[in-house]
């Protein structure tokens, strides 16, 4: 049974993600080949740009308030924030 404080990672087949806020579940987010994501250190929340993970299992994201800083993250490093408004 999943604890309420333990958010469920995104699924590889999840859709409808564009514009949604997501919680970053790892301390050092990476892309599909384990390169560090171009995001501010310690970032906890990102905005998802893509509607669904691509064939490489990544999603384009950006920090809230900075849509010019786009990074790739592996889908299972993210969990949707249901209680937060879209950005």
Protein backbone atom coordinates (compact mmCIF):
# COMPACT_ATOMS: atom_id res chain seq x y z
CA UNK A 1 0.00 0.00 0.00
CA UNK A 2 1.39 3.41 -1.03
CA UNK A 3 1.91 5.99 1.71
CA UNK A 4 0.15 9.33 1.13
CA UNK A 5 3.53 11.10 1.28
CA UNK A 6 5.01 8.80 -1.40
CA UNK A 7 3.79 10.08 -4.81
CA UNK A 8 3.39 7.62 -7.68
CA UNK A 9 5.84 8.14 -10.57
CA UNK A 10 4.40 8.79 -14.01
CA UNK A 11 3.71 5.75 -16.19
CA UNK A 12 5.44 5.25 -19.57
CA UNK A 13 2.03 5.21 -21.30
CA UNK A 14 0.54 8.20 -19.47
CA UNK A 15 -0.98 10.94 -21.64
CA UNK A 16 -2.54 14.35 -21.07
CA UNK A 17 0.56 15.74 -19.40
CA UNK A 18 1.13 18.96 -21.37
CA UNK A 19 1.05 22.01 -19.09
CA UNK A 20 0.79 20.01 -15.87
CA UNK A 21 2.96 20.61 -12.81
CA UNK A 22 5.08 17.67 -11.71
CA UNK A 23 7.12 16.97 -8.61
CA UNK A 24 10.73 15.93 -9.23
CA UNK A 25 11.26 12.65 -7.33
CA UNK A 26 15.06 12.45 -7.51
CA UNK A 27 17.84 14.62 -6.12
CA UNK A 28 19.70 14.77 -9.45
CA UNK A 29 17.31 14.57 -12.43
CA UNK A 30 18.73 13.08 -15.64
CA UNK A 31 17.82 12.32 -19.23
CA UNK A 32 17.64 8.84 -20.80
CA UNK A 33 21.44 8.42 -20.91
CA UNK A 34 21.96 9.68 -17.36
CA UNK A 35 23.20 13.13 -18.36
CA UNK A 36 22.28 15.72 -15.73
CA UNK A 37 19.22 17.75 -16.67
CA UNK A 38 19.72 21.46 -17.36
CA UNK A 39 17.66 22.55 -14.37
CA UNK A 40 18.43 24.63 -11.27
CA UNK A 41 20.04 22.65 -8.45
CA UNK A 42 17.51 21.40 -5.94
CA UNK A 43 14.49 21.99 -8.17
CA UNK A 44 11.37 20.30 -6.80
CA UNK A 45 8.69 21.24 -9.34
CA UNK A 46 8.64 21.46 -13.14
CA UNK A 47 6.07 22.15 -15.85
CA UNK A 48 5.66 19.36 -18.42
CA UNK A 49 5.81 20.48 -22.05
CA UNK A 50 5.00 17.17 -23.80
CA UNK A 51 1.65 15.40 -23.75
CA UNK A 52 3.26 11.97 -23.22
CA UNK A 53 6.73 10.40 -22.85
CA UNK A 54 8.61 10.02 -26.14
CA UNK A 55 10.07 6.70 -27.40
CA UNK A 56 13.23 7.41 -25.35
CA UNK A 57 11.05 7.58 -22.19
CA UNK A 58 11.73 11.26 -21.61
CA UNK A 59 9.60 14.36 -21.28
CA UNK A 60 10.54 17.96 -22.01
CA UNK A 61 10.05 20.11 -18.92
CA UNK A 62 10.88 23.61 -17.68
CA UNK A 63 11.05 25.32 -14.29
CA UNK A 64 7.86 27.20 -13.33
CA UNK A 65 8.17 30.78 -14.54
CA UNK A 66 11.08 30.03 -16.93
CA UNK A 67 9.75 28.43 -20.14
CA UNK A 68 13.02 29.19 -21.95
CA UNK A 69 14.99 26.69 -19.83
CA UNK A 70 13.89 23.36 -21.34
CA UNK A 71 15.32 20.06 -20.12
CA UNK A 72 14.71 16.37 -20.76
CA UNK A 73 13.80 14.13 -17.83
CA UNK A 74 13.06 10.42 -17.68
CA UNK A 75 9.31 10.00 -17.04
CA UNK A 76 9.66 7.95 -13.84
CA UNK A 77 11.57 10.78 -12.13
CA UNK A 78 8.31 12.76 -12.05
CA UNK A 79 4.94 12.57 -10.28
CA UNK A 80 1.94 14.76 -11.06
CA UNK A 81 1.02 17.41 -8.53
CA UNK A 82 -2.74 17.06 -8.33
CA UNK A 83 -3.19 19.87 -5.81
CA UNK A 84 -1.31 22.55 -7.75
CA UNK A 85 -2.76 24.75 -10.51
CA UNK A 86 -1.39 24.53 -14.03
CA UNK A 87 1.34 27.02 -14.93
